Each structure stands twice: as C-alpha cells, then as structure tokens.
Amino acid sequence: MALFSKKLGIDLGTANVLVYVPGKGIVINEPSVVAISEPDHAILAIGDDAKAMLGKTPDSIIAYRPMRDGVIADYRVTEAMLRYFMKKALGGMGWIKPEVMISVPAGVTSTERRAVVEAAMKAGAKIAHVVREPIVAAIGAGIPINEPHGHMVVDIGGGTTDVAVISLGSIQACTSVKCAGNKIDRAITDYIKKHYNLAIGDRTAEKIKIKIGAAIPLEEELELIVKGRDYVTGLPRSVKISTNEIVRAIDDELLKIIDAIKEVLQQTLPELASDIIDNGIVMTGGSSMLRNLTDLVYRKTGVKAVVADEALYCVAKGIGIALDHMDTYNRALLAKK
C-alpha cells in the first residue's frame, strides 16, 4: 500500500525548485523559470530548458520566474511548474496523487500560505502541508531542533533571507527580509552599468558573484573578464572586474542581511542568546556560500558563524527528513505561527 501513498518534499524557491522523494533523496534540482509564448500564453519550457532561454528570447517568448521574494507572483504559471516537477519526480507513477510538503519563507502571510496550498492541490497533490523554511533548514543542517537549546539559522535563498532562533521545536524569534541572492545579483548589474557603462544579464551577474564575489575585501583579489553590451555604442565589449569592486557593489545588500540578524538577536530571550554565543550561527541556502560571509557576520555581530554542509540543499534535505519522521517533527512543522 505504501507504494500508492507517495510523498514528495518540495523546496519551492525563487531561484530553484528542489524535489525530495523519500528513499531516493533529491531527484530534481532545476531553476524556477518558465518560458511562455506571448501571443497565446502557452507554456513552452520549464526548469533547465527555460533558464537556458533567459535573456535570449525573441519578443514573442518570455522567460521569467513565477516566484518572487519567496512567494507566488504568478499563480497559473506556478501551478503549471509544480505539476511539471511533481510528475517528473513521480516518474512512471504520475497518476498517483502524492502527499506534498512545501517550504515557504518565515514571514509569509496566511493568504500567501493558502495560495501555495491551493497551487499544490490544483497541480495534483492529495494533501499539501506548508512548512516554514528556517525550521526545515535547521533540520537539514543537522540541528537538534527539539532540544531546549537556542539555535540561530540564517537561510539566504534567491528571493528572501530568513533569520530565526529555534528552541524546543518552535521558532522563538524570526524575521524575513526580501534581500538575498537576486538582489545581490542586481546590485552587481547596477554597479557595472554605473562604473563601466556596460549592460550585463542576470546570469552573468550570478556568475560574477560565484566566481569572484566576496563579503569583505581580499588582499589577493580574484579577477574576471566580463562581457556585455556598451550602453553608449550598443556594441559588445569586455571589461576586467576584480573582487574588491564586487565587495563595494554588494555591501548595502549584505548590510540589510546583517541588520536582520541583529534584529533577531535583539528579540532573543537572554538564555537562548547565551546558547547562540556557544553554538554560533548556522548559515544555509545557496547565497550563504559567498566568500567570507561568515567573517562579515562575526565582525558585525560578535557571534561566530558557520556555513552548513551542502548549504544549498539544507531546506530540501530538511523537508525529506521531516517527511520520513512526521511524528517527531509534527508539532514544529505544522505550527501555524
């Protein structure tokens, strides 16, 4: 009978969608991008195929992300994207209606939460649970959330950064800011436009961030040749960019994340605050892997920070562990708070 009660865990991110199948692990990790034809709004491609079109489509095709700042911006397209990924994850058993657990940012409203549940149900789920990202990120990072100790998790994704203090299986203090990987990429794009009169796309900005980006200046800088379109002549041109330029470009965005961490530390109960000094801050999410970000957190807060193993997969892994051990995590996960 277990064969027919399939479960899926979905990390529905602004930048990527990860799907976890119990017993198999993460089976899908694709960009949350959909390509649509303009005249008839037909969906042409989803995931990897659609991302390959980003910034390269003719006027008749739009490639874009239906999730914005961690919540649904385009309901119809998100539903189609969910249906596609759920069917792909189920493989030959696409006729089964699975039980689905989906993560959402800590700061979502009840309306936004309901939109996620409805989209999952319309996409073919039998039951849809919505869980808050910091809790599942903590589980995926190996934090014992049910113990009476304070643990701080900073989950930096594509659209939102969630900061939470967790103790006894529940969130004691948290905040969610709409500043994360995408805003950092945008800051790089703006800097290169302002200082070099060069237009670059989102994918190039992301590549710059990963290859040479850092949170604090480096003594031995990394360099990268960046290609784009000159704003004045309209012709292709290349420039050489170095790490410390990127540090300056993204400084304001990183300080918003630091401010969110400080705000949550200020809300934290004194006993839990002392636990956090002992345990340190655990950072998860793809953007937490920015060079020296843990050093910046320590400089600004005085609390040591570490990046979790496989930071990009912590939320998806946490959902998977939670699906496998619903009885253990039930109270923590399904709390409406």
Protein backbone atom coordinates (compact mmCIF):
# COMPACT_ATOMS: atom_id res chain seq x y z
CA MET A 1 0.00 0.00 0.00
CA ALA A 2 2.93 2.32 0.74
CA LEU A 3 3.63 2.28 -2.97
CA PHE A 4 0.41 4.18 -3.61
CA SER A 5 0.81 6.81 -0.88
CA LYS A 6 3.77 8.63 -2.43
CA LYS A 7 5.22 11.58 -0.56
CA LEU A 8 7.13 14.50 -2.04
CA GLY A 9 9.05 17.29 -0.34
CA ILE A 10 9.32 20.48 -2.39
CA ASP A 11 11.66 23.42 -1.76
CA LEU A 12 9.76 25.98 -3.85
CA GLY A 13 12.38 28.70 -4.15
CA THR A 14 12.54 31.98 -6.03
CA ALA A 15 15.65 30.76 -7.88
CA ASN A 16 15.41 26.95 -7.81
CA VAL A 17 12.93 24.15 -7.17
CA LEU A 18 14.25 21.06 -5.40
CA VAL A 19 12.12 17.93 -5.03
CA TYR A 20 12.85 15.22 -2.45
CA VAL A 21 11.47 11.69 -2.70
CA PRO A 22 11.77 9.54 0.47
CA GLY A 23 14.15 6.64 -0.16
CA LYS A 24 15.67 8.34 -3.20
CA GLY A 25 16.77 11.76 -1.91
CA ILE A 26 16.77 14.93 -4.03
CA VAL A 27 15.63 13.87 -7.50
CA ILE A 28 15.08 17.32 -9.04
CA ASN A 29 17.14 20.50 -8.76
CA GLU A 30 16.11 22.89 -11.51
CA PRO A 31 15.68 26.67 -11.86
CA SER A 32 12.19 28.01 -11.11
CA VAL A 33 11.96 29.54 -14.58
CA VAL A 34 9.15 29.17 -17.10
CA ALA A 35 9.19 30.18 -20.78
CA ILE A 36 5.86 31.38 -22.19
CA SER A 37 4.84 32.38 -25.71
CA GLU A 38 3.45 35.91 -25.68
CA PRO A 39 0.51 35.68 -28.13
CA ASP A 40 -1.34 32.71 -26.58
CA HIS A 41 0.33 32.41 -23.12
CA ALA A 42 1.21 28.77 -23.83
CA ILE A 43 3.95 27.30 -21.65
CA LEU A 44 6.92 26.31 -23.85
CA ALA A 45 9.57 25.18 -21.34
CA ILE A 46 10.10 24.78 -17.59
CA GLY A 47 13.23 24.46 -15.44
CA ASP A 48 16.64 23.96 -17.05
CA ASP A 49 15.28 24.30 -20.60
CA ALA A 50 13.59 27.60 -19.73
CA LYS A 51 16.63 29.02 -17.89
CA ALA A 52 18.74 28.45 -20.99
CA MET A 53 16.38 30.94 -22.71
CA LEU A 54 16.69 33.69 -20.04
CA GLY A 55 17.80 36.95 -21.65
CA LYS A 56 17.99 35.28 -25.08
CA THR A 57 14.36 35.05 -26.18
CA PRO A 58 12.70 36.83 -29.12
CA ASP A 59 9.87 39.27 -28.33
CA SER A 60 7.27 36.52 -28.80
CA ILE A 61 8.70 34.42 -25.92
CA ILE A 62 9.09 35.48 -22.28
CA ALA A 63 11.29 33.50 -19.87
CA TYR A 64 10.70 34.55 -16.27
CA ARG A 65 10.37 33.41 -12.67
CA PRO A 66 6.78 32.95 -11.38
CA MET A 67 8.03 33.12 -7.75
CA ARG A 68 9.09 36.49 -6.38
CA ASP A 69 10.61 37.14 -2.94
CA GLY A 70 9.76 33.59 -1.90
CA VAL A 71 6.02 33.85 -2.68
CA ILE A 72 3.83 33.19 -5.71
CA ALA A 73 3.80 36.14 -8.12
CA ASP A 74 2.04 34.32 -10.99
CA TYR A 75 -0.43 31.73 -9.72
CA ARG A 76 -1.28 29.98 -13.02
CA VAL A 77 2.35 29.56 -14.06
CA THR A 78 3.44 28.39 -10.58
CA GLU A 79 0.70 25.75 -10.66
CA ALA A 80 1.89 24.53 -14.08
CA MET A 81 5.50 24.48 -12.85
CA LEU A 82 4.54 22.47 -9.75
CA ARG A 83 2.55 19.98 -11.85
CA TYR A 84 5.53 19.51 -14.18
CA PHE A 85 8.04 18.91 -11.36
CA MET A 86 5.68 16.63 -9.40
CA LYS A 87 5.04 14.44 -12.46
CA LYS A 88 8.75 14.34 -13.26
CA ALA A 89 9.60 13.32 -9.67
CA LEU A 90 6.97 10.54 -9.66
CA GLY A 91 8.33 9.14 -12.92
CA GLY A 92 6.14 6.31 -14.20
CA MET A 93 3.68 6.79 -11.34
CA GLY A 94 2.41 10.19 -12.50
CA TRP A 95 -1.20 9.04 -11.96
CA ILE A 96 -0.69 8.93 -8.16
CA LYS A 97 -1.82 11.93 -6.13
CA PRO A 98 1.09 12.45 -3.71
CA GLU A 99 1.17 13.92 -0.21
CA VAL A 100 3.26 17.07 -0.60
CA MET A 101 5.21 19.17 1.90
CA ILE A 102 6.29 22.60 0.62
CA SER A 103 8.56 25.16 2.29
CA VAL A 104 7.72 28.87 2.48
CA PRO A 105 9.61 31.85 4.00
CA ALA A 106 9.05 32.51 7.70
CA GLY A 107 7.34 35.84 7.02
CA VAL A 108 4.57 34.73 4.62
CA THR A 109 1.01 35.83 5.30
CA SER A 110 -1.86 33.36 5.71
CA THR A 111 -3.11 34.39 2.23
CA GLU A 112 0.29 33.63 0.65
CA ARG A 113 0.43 30.32 2.54
CA ARG A 114 -3.06 29.41 1.27
CA ALA A 115 -2.02 30.26 -2.32
CA VAL A 116 0.83 27.73 -2.09
CA VAL A 117 -1.51 25.01 -0.73
CA GLU A 118 -4.11 25.68 -3.46
CA ALA A 119 -1.48 25.68 -6.22
CA ALA A 120 -0.14 22.32 -4.99
CA MET A 121 -3.64 20.81 -4.77
CA LYS A 122 -4.55 22.01 -8.28
CA ALA A 123 -1.22 20.67 -9.54
CA GLY A 124 -2.27 17.18 -8.40
CA ALA A 125 -1.43 16.79 -4.71
CA LYS A 126 -3.75 14.73 -2.48
CA ILE A 127 -2.70 16.64 0.66
CA ALA A 128 -0.42 19.71 0.88
CA HIS A 129 1.42 20.78 4.02
CA VAL A 130 3.21 24.12 4.20
CA VAL A 131 6.28 24.36 6.44
CA ARG A 132 8.43 27.32 7.36
CA GLU A 133 11.87 27.42 5.81
CA PRO A 134 14.01 28.13 8.92
CA ILE A 135 12.65 25.01 10.67
CA VAL A 136 13.35 22.65 7.77
CA ALA A 137 16.67 24.39 7.00
CA ALA A 138 17.70 23.73 10.62
CA ILE A 139 16.64 20.06 10.37
CA GLY A 140 18.56 19.71 7.09
CA ALA A 141 21.64 21.31 8.66
CA GLY A 142 21.60 18.66 11.40
CA ILE A 143 20.49 20.96 14.22
CA PRO A 144 18.63 19.12 17.03
CA ILE A 145 15.64 21.49 16.99
CA ASN A 146 13.59 19.66 19.64
CA GLU A 147 16.19 20.16 22.39
CA PRO A 148 15.87 23.01 24.95
CA HIS A 149 18.76 24.96 23.43
CA GLY A 150 18.74 28.08 21.29
CA HIS A 151 20.00 27.75 17.71
CA MET A 152 20.09 30.54 15.15
CA VAL A 153 19.60 29.73 11.47
CA VAL A 154 20.17 32.23 8.64
CA ASP A 155 18.74 30.86 5.38
CA ILE A 156 19.79 33.04 2.42
CA GLY A 157 17.98 31.96 -0.72
CA GLY A 158 17.28 33.64 -4.04
CA GLY A 159 14.39 35.90 -3.01
CA THR A 160 14.38 36.06 0.79
CA THR A 161 16.67 35.77 3.79
CA ASP A 162 15.05 34.07 6.79
CA VAL A 163 16.63 34.56 10.20
CA ALA A 164 15.22 32.53 13.10
CA VAL A 165 16.06 31.40 16.62
CA ILE A 166 14.72 27.90 17.24
CA SER A 167 14.31 26.13 20.58
CA LEU A 168 12.16 23.18 21.68
CA GLY A 169 10.93 22.63 18.14
CA SER A 170 9.48 26.10 17.64
CA ILE A 171 10.60 29.49 16.38
CA GLN A 172 11.22 31.86 19.30
CA ALA A 173 12.15 34.93 17.23
CA CYS A 174 12.36 35.43 13.49
CA THR A 175 12.31 37.86 10.62
CA SER A 176 12.21 37.53 6.86
CA VAL A 177 13.74 40.17 4.56
CA LYS A 178 13.35 40.43 0.80
CA CYS A 179 17.07 40.72 0.27
CA ALA A 180 19.01 37.69 -0.91
CA GLY A 181 20.77 36.23 -3.95
CA ASN A 182 18.69 38.00 -6.61
CA LYS A 183 19.13 41.45 -5.02
CA ILE A 184 22.89 40.81 -4.72
CA ASP A 185 22.97 39.94 -8.46
CA ARG A 186 21.00 43.11 -9.23
CA ALA A 187 23.48 45.21 -7.22
CA ILE A 188 26.33 43.77 -9.34
CA THR A 189 24.41 44.58 -12.57
CA ASP A 190 23.80 48.17 -11.38
CA TYR A 191 27.46 48.66 -10.38
CA ILE A 192 28.75 47.52 -13.77
CA LYS A 193 26.23 49.73 -15.53
CA LYS A 194 27.21 52.78 -13.45
CA HIS A 195 31.00 52.33 -13.50
CA TYR A 196 31.59 50.74 -16.89
CA ASN A 197 28.56 51.74 -18.97
CA LEU A 198 28.11 48.04 -19.66
CA ALA A 199 24.82 46.13 -19.78
CA ILE A 200 25.00 42.55 -18.46
CA GLY A 201 22.30 39.92 -17.90
CA ASP A 202 21.18 38.19 -14.70
CA ARG A 203 23.12 35.02 -15.49
CA THR A 204 26.36 36.99 -15.96
CA ALA A 205 25.81 38.81 -12.66
CA GLU A 206 25.31 35.48 -10.88
CA LYS A 207 28.49 34.10 -12.48
CA ILE A 208 30.47 37.15 -11.27
CA LYS A 209 29.11 36.67 -7.73
CA ILE A 210 30.08 32.99 -7.64
CA LYS A 211 33.49 33.26 -9.33
CA ILE A 212 34.95 36.42 -7.74
CA GLY A 213 32.39 37.79 -5.24
CA ALA A 214 33.20 38.22 -1.54
CA ALA A 215 31.66 39.81 1.56
CA ILE A 216 34.84 41.55 2.76
CA PRO A 217 37.85 42.87 0.78
CA LEU A 218 40.53 40.32 -0.14
CA GLU A 219 44.28 41.02 -0.11
CA GLU A 220 44.76 38.77 -3.12
CA GLU A 221 41.92 39.74 -5.42
CA LEU A 222 40.34 37.45 -7.98
CA GLU A 223 39.66 38.81 -11.46
CA LEU A 224 37.18 38.03 -14.21
CA ILE A 225 36.69 39.22 -17.78
CA VAL A 226 33.04 40.31 -18.11
CA LYS A 227 31.35 40.59 -21.49
CA GLY A 228 28.29 42.72 -22.17
CA ARG A 229 26.81 45.46 -24.35
CA ASP A 230 28.13 49.01 -24.26
CA TYR A 231 25.34 51.45 -23.32
CA VAL A 232 26.83 54.23 -25.47
CA THR A 233 27.82 52.46 -28.70
CA GLY A 234 25.43 49.50 -28.41
CA LEU A 235 28.31 47.19 -29.35
CA PRO A 236 29.68 44.18 -27.44
CA ARG A 237 32.58 44.95 -25.09
CA SER A 238 34.65 43.23 -22.37
CA VAL A 239 35.97 44.64 -19.08
CA LYS A 240 38.10 43.18 -16.28
CA ILE A 241 36.39 43.18 -12.87
CA SER A 242 38.10 42.43 -9.54
CA THR A 243 36.80 41.07 -6.24
CA ASN A 244 37.01 44.25 -4.17
CA GLU A 245 34.85 46.10 -6.69
CA ILE A 246 32.16 43.46 -6.15
CA VAL A 247 32.58 43.80 -2.36
CA ARG A 248 31.75 47.51 -2.72
CA ALA A 249 28.88 46.79 -5.14
CA ILE A 250 27.06 44.37 -2.82
CA ASP A 251 27.91 45.96 0.53
CA ASP A 252 24.50 47.64 1.04
CA GLU A 253 22.61 44.41 0.34
CA LEU A 254 24.77 42.39 2.75
CA LEU A 255 24.28 45.01 5.48
CA LYS A 256 20.48 44.52 5.19
CA ILE A 257 21.04 40.81 5.93
CA ILE A 258 23.32 41.73 8.88
CA ASP A 259 20.63 44.13 10.19
CA ALA A 260 18.07 41.28 10.05
CA ILE A 261 20.42 39.06 12.10
CA LYS A 262 20.93 41.86 14.66
CA GLU A 263 17.18 42.46 14.89
CA VAL A 264 16.51 38.80 15.71
CA LEU A 265 19.38 38.66 18.22
CA GLN A 266 17.82 41.68 19.97
CA GLN A 267 14.45 39.88 20.19
CA THR A 268 16.01 36.69 21.56
CA LEU A 269 15.50 35.64 25.19
CA PRO A 270 18.71 36.09 27.25
CA GLU A 271 19.11 32.35 27.98
CA LEU A 272 18.77 31.49 24.31
CA ALA A 273 21.15 34.32 23.36
CA SER A 274 23.85 32.73 25.52
CA ASP A 275 23.24 29.39 23.74
CA ILE A 276 23.70 31.13 20.38
CA ILE A 277 27.07 32.53 21.51
CA ASP A 278 28.10 28.95 22.39
CA ASN A 279 26.61 27.25 19.30
CA GLY A 280 27.26 30.00 16.75
CA ILE A 281 25.03 30.95 13.82
CA VAL A 282 24.35 28.29 11.17
CA MET A 283 24.01 29.64 7.63
CA THR A 284 22.12 27.77 4.91
CA GLY A 285 20.92 28.48 1.37
CA GLY A 286 22.92 28.97 -1.82
CA SER A 287 23.83 32.61 -1.19
CA SER A 288 25.34 31.79 2.22
CA MET A 289 28.29 30.32 0.30
CA LEU A 290 29.53 33.80 -0.70
CA ARG A 291 33.25 34.07 0.18
CA ASN A 292 33.96 35.37 3.72
CA LEU A 293 30.30 35.98 4.56
CA THR A 294 30.80 34.21 7.91
CA ASP A 295 33.68 36.61 8.67
CA LEU A 296 31.44 39.60 7.95
CA VAL A 297 28.74 38.21 10.29
CA TYR A 298 31.33 37.73 13.06
CA ARG A 299 32.74 41.26 12.57
CA LYS A 300 29.31 42.88 12.73
CA THR A 301 27.64 40.79 15.48
CA GLY A 302 30.45 39.28 17.52
CA VAL A 303 28.89 35.83 17.06
CA LYS A 304 30.75 33.11 15.16
CA ALA A 305 29.00 31.78 12.05
CA VAL A 306 29.45 28.58 10.04
CA VAL A 307 28.05 27.54 6.68
CA ALA A 308 26.17 24.24 6.91
CA ASP A 309 27.31 21.24 4.87
CA GLU A 310 25.57 21.21 1.48
CA ALA A 311 24.04 24.60 2.30
CA LEU A 312 22.13 24.75 -0.98
CA TYR A 313 20.27 21.52 -0.13
CA CYS A 314 19.51 22.08 3.57
CA VAL A 315 15.85 23.05 3.08
CA ALA A 316 15.15 20.15 0.69
CA LYS A 317 17.02 17.68 2.92
CA GLY A 318 15.16 19.00 5.98
CA ILE A 319 11.80 18.52 4.27
CA GLY A 320 12.89 14.99 3.37
CA ILE A 321 13.88 14.15 6.96
CA ALA A 322 10.62 15.67 8.19
CA LEU A 323 8.58 13.58 5.71
CA ASP A 324 10.33 10.45 6.96
CA HIS A 325 9.80 11.38 10.64
CA MET A 326 6.47 13.22 10.69
CA ASP A 327 5.71 12.05 14.24
CA THR A 328 8.97 13.55 15.60
CA TYR A 329 8.64 16.91 13.90
CA ASN A 330 4.87 17.23 13.61
CA ARG A 331 4.46 19.98 16.24
CA ALA A 332 7.38 22.02 14.94
CA LEU A 333 6.44 21.79 11.28
CA LEU A 334 2.73 22.28 11.18
CA ALA A 335 2.52 25.06 13.77
CA LYS A 336 0.60 27.94 12.20
CA LYS A 337 2.64 30.61 13.98
